[in-house]
């Protein structure tokens, strides 16, 4: 099977405009950030640093790259399940579609649980390795 030739060259195939989460949740994140202000968002680092910009989340370009890679990996796992969940969410006539939606929702819940537990474990290991543990 071959895909039809695209007329827009190297453009991305996704064309919907939803603002990034950090913009949509700016007020909520200001009240309760994902990590304390000035702490690197990379759980394997978690070191404190002086931010050069208000929006800075990582202490270095390497930590940002690591974070981007992690977000992409989780996004690639989550995307099909999010589609399935939404497709089946309001189905009233197709039991198979409802089941697909339920399976997608359950997968997202498990992915969230496992990812948060993994991040917390990596942050604890980084904290211990830094000698900051009491």
Protein backbone atom coordinates (compact mmCIF):
# COMPACT_ATOMS: atom_id res chain seq x y z
CA UNK A 1 0.00 0.00 0.00
CA UNK A 2 1.32 3.45 -0.83
CA UNK A 3 0.17 6.73 0.59
CA UNK A 4 -1.01 9.40 -1.84
CA UNK A 5 1.59 11.99 -2.72
CA UNK A 6 1.26 15.11 -0.61
CA UNK A 7 1.15 18.50 -2.29
CA UNK A 8 2.39 20.36 0.78
CA UNK A 9 5.93 18.99 0.82
CA UNK A 10 7.24 18.30 4.29
CA UNK A 11 4.37 19.86 6.24
CA UNK A 12 3.04 18.04 9.27
CA UNK A 13 -0.14 16.06 8.70
CA UNK A 14 -1.78 17.27 11.92
CA UNK A 15 -3.68 20.52 11.41
CA UNK A 16 -5.69 21.31 14.52
CA UNK A 17 -5.02 24.25 16.74
CA UNK A 18 -5.18 23.54 20.46
CA UNK A 19 -3.00 25.64 22.69
CA UNK A 20 -0.25 23.83 24.61
CA UNK A 21 -1.17 22.52 28.06
CA UNK A 22 1.22 24.94 29.74
CA UNK A 23 -0.75 27.84 28.24
CA UNK A 24 -4.21 26.35 28.84
CA UNK A 25 -3.38 25.55 32.47
CA UNK A 26 -1.23 28.60 33.23
CA UNK A 27 -3.30 29.76 36.23
CA UNK A 28 -3.62 26.27 37.69
CA UNK A 29 0.11 25.62 37.21
CA UNK A 30 0.94 28.97 38.82
CA UNK A 31 -1.05 27.90 41.88
CA UNK A 32 0.46 24.41 41.93
CA UNK A 33 3.37 23.74 39.53
CA UNK A 34 4.33 20.23 38.42
CA UNK A 35 7.60 20.66 40.37
CA UNK A 36 8.63 23.38 42.81
CA UNK A 37 9.80 26.61 41.16
CA UNK A 38 13.46 26.37 40.27
CA UNK A 39 13.59 22.57 40.39
CA UNK A 40 14.43 20.78 37.14
CA UNK A 41 11.40 18.98 35.66
CA UNK A 42 13.66 16.10 34.57
CA UNK A 43 13.10 13.59 37.40
CA UNK A 44 16.52 12.05 36.82
CA UNK A 45 18.09 15.43 37.59
CA UNK A 46 15.65 17.27 39.89
CA UNK A 47 18.38 19.74 40.86
CA UNK A 48 17.56 23.28 41.85
CA UNK A 49 18.63 26.09 39.55
CA UNK A 50 18.09 29.80 38.99
CA UNK A 51 15.64 30.26 36.13
CA UNK A 52 16.68 32.70 33.42
CA UNK A 53 13.08 32.88 32.11
CA UNK A 54 9.77 32.67 33.97
CA UNK A 55 8.69 29.71 31.83
CA UNK A 56 11.93 27.72 32.19
CA UNK A 57 11.28 24.14 33.39
CA UNK A 58 14.66 22.45 32.90
CA UNK A 59 18.09 23.35 34.23
CA UNK A 60 19.92 22.64 30.96
CA UNK A 61 19.41 21.91 27.26
CA UNK A 62 20.27 18.25 27.92
CA UNK A 63 17.54 17.95 30.56
CA UNK A 64 15.06 19.63 28.23
CA UNK A 65 15.97 17.21 25.43
CA UNK A 66 15.54 14.29 27.83
CA UNK A 67 12.15 15.67 28.87
CA UNK A 68 11.05 16.12 25.26
CA UNK A 69 12.01 12.52 24.48
CA UNK A 70 10.08 11.25 27.51
CA UNK A 71 6.99 13.30 26.62
CA UNK A 72 7.09 12.00 23.04
CA UNK A 73 7.38 8.39 24.20
CA UNK A 74 4.42 8.74 26.54
CA UNK A 75 2.47 10.64 23.88
CA UNK A 76 3.02 7.87 21.35
CA UNK A 77 1.63 5.36 23.84
CA UNK A 78 -1.28 7.59 24.85
CA UNK A 79 -2.44 8.89 21.45
CA UNK A 80 -4.19 5.75 20.13
CA UNK A 81 -5.86 5.14 23.48
CA UNK A 82 -7.07 8.75 23.63
CA UNK A 83 -8.61 8.40 20.18
CA UNK A 84 -10.28 5.11 21.12
CA UNK A 85 -11.60 6.54 24.37
CA UNK A 86 -13.10 9.57 22.67
CA UNK A 87 -14.55 7.55 19.78
CA UNK A 88 -16.42 5.23 22.15
CA UNK A 89 -17.22 7.69 24.90
CA UNK A 90 -20.76 8.58 23.79
CA UNK A 91 -21.62 5.52 21.71
CA UNK A 92 -25.06 4.19 22.61
CA UNK A 93 -25.69 1.80 19.74
CA UNK A 94 -22.41 -0.02 19.13
CA UNK A 95 -21.28 -2.26 22.01
CA UNK A 96 -17.89 -2.94 20.36
CA UNK A 97 -17.23 0.81 20.06
CA UNK A 98 -18.26 1.34 23.70
CA UNK A 99 -15.84 -1.42 24.71
CA UNK A 100 -13.08 0.19 22.67
CA UNK A 101 -13.72 3.48 24.46
CA UNK A 102 -13.68 1.77 27.87
CA UNK A 103 -10.44 -0.01 27.00
CA UNK A 104 -8.87 3.27 25.90
CA UNK A 105 -9.94 4.99 29.14
CA UNK A 106 -8.57 2.15 31.27
CA UNK A 107 -5.29 2.16 29.33
CA UNK A 108 -4.87 5.92 29.87
CA UNK A 109 -5.47 5.49 33.61
CA UNK A 110 -2.87 2.72 33.82
CA UNK A 111 -0.39 4.71 31.71
CA UNK A 112 -0.81 7.73 33.99
CA UNK A 113 -0.32 5.61 37.10
CA UNK A 114 2.78 3.87 35.76
CA UNK A 115 4.35 7.05 34.38
CA UNK A 116 3.86 9.03 37.59
CA UNK A 117 5.23 6.15 39.69
CA UNK A 118 8.26 5.90 37.41
CA UNK A 119 8.92 9.67 37.56
CA UNK A 120 8.59 9.67 41.35
CA UNK A 121 11.01 6.74 41.66
CA UNK A 122 13.56 8.45 39.38
CA UNK A 123 13.23 11.69 41.37
CA UNK A 124 13.83 9.80 44.64
CA UNK A 125 16.93 8.13 43.15
CA UNK A 126 18.27 11.49 41.92
CA UNK A 127 17.61 13.01 45.34
CA UNK A 128 19.50 10.20 47.09
CA UNK A 129 22.38 10.32 44.60
CA UNK A 130 22.78 14.06 45.12
CA UNK A 131 23.39 13.59 48.84
CA UNK A 132 20.40 15.80 49.75
CA UNK A 133 18.67 12.95 51.57
CA UNK A 134 18.65 13.31 55.33
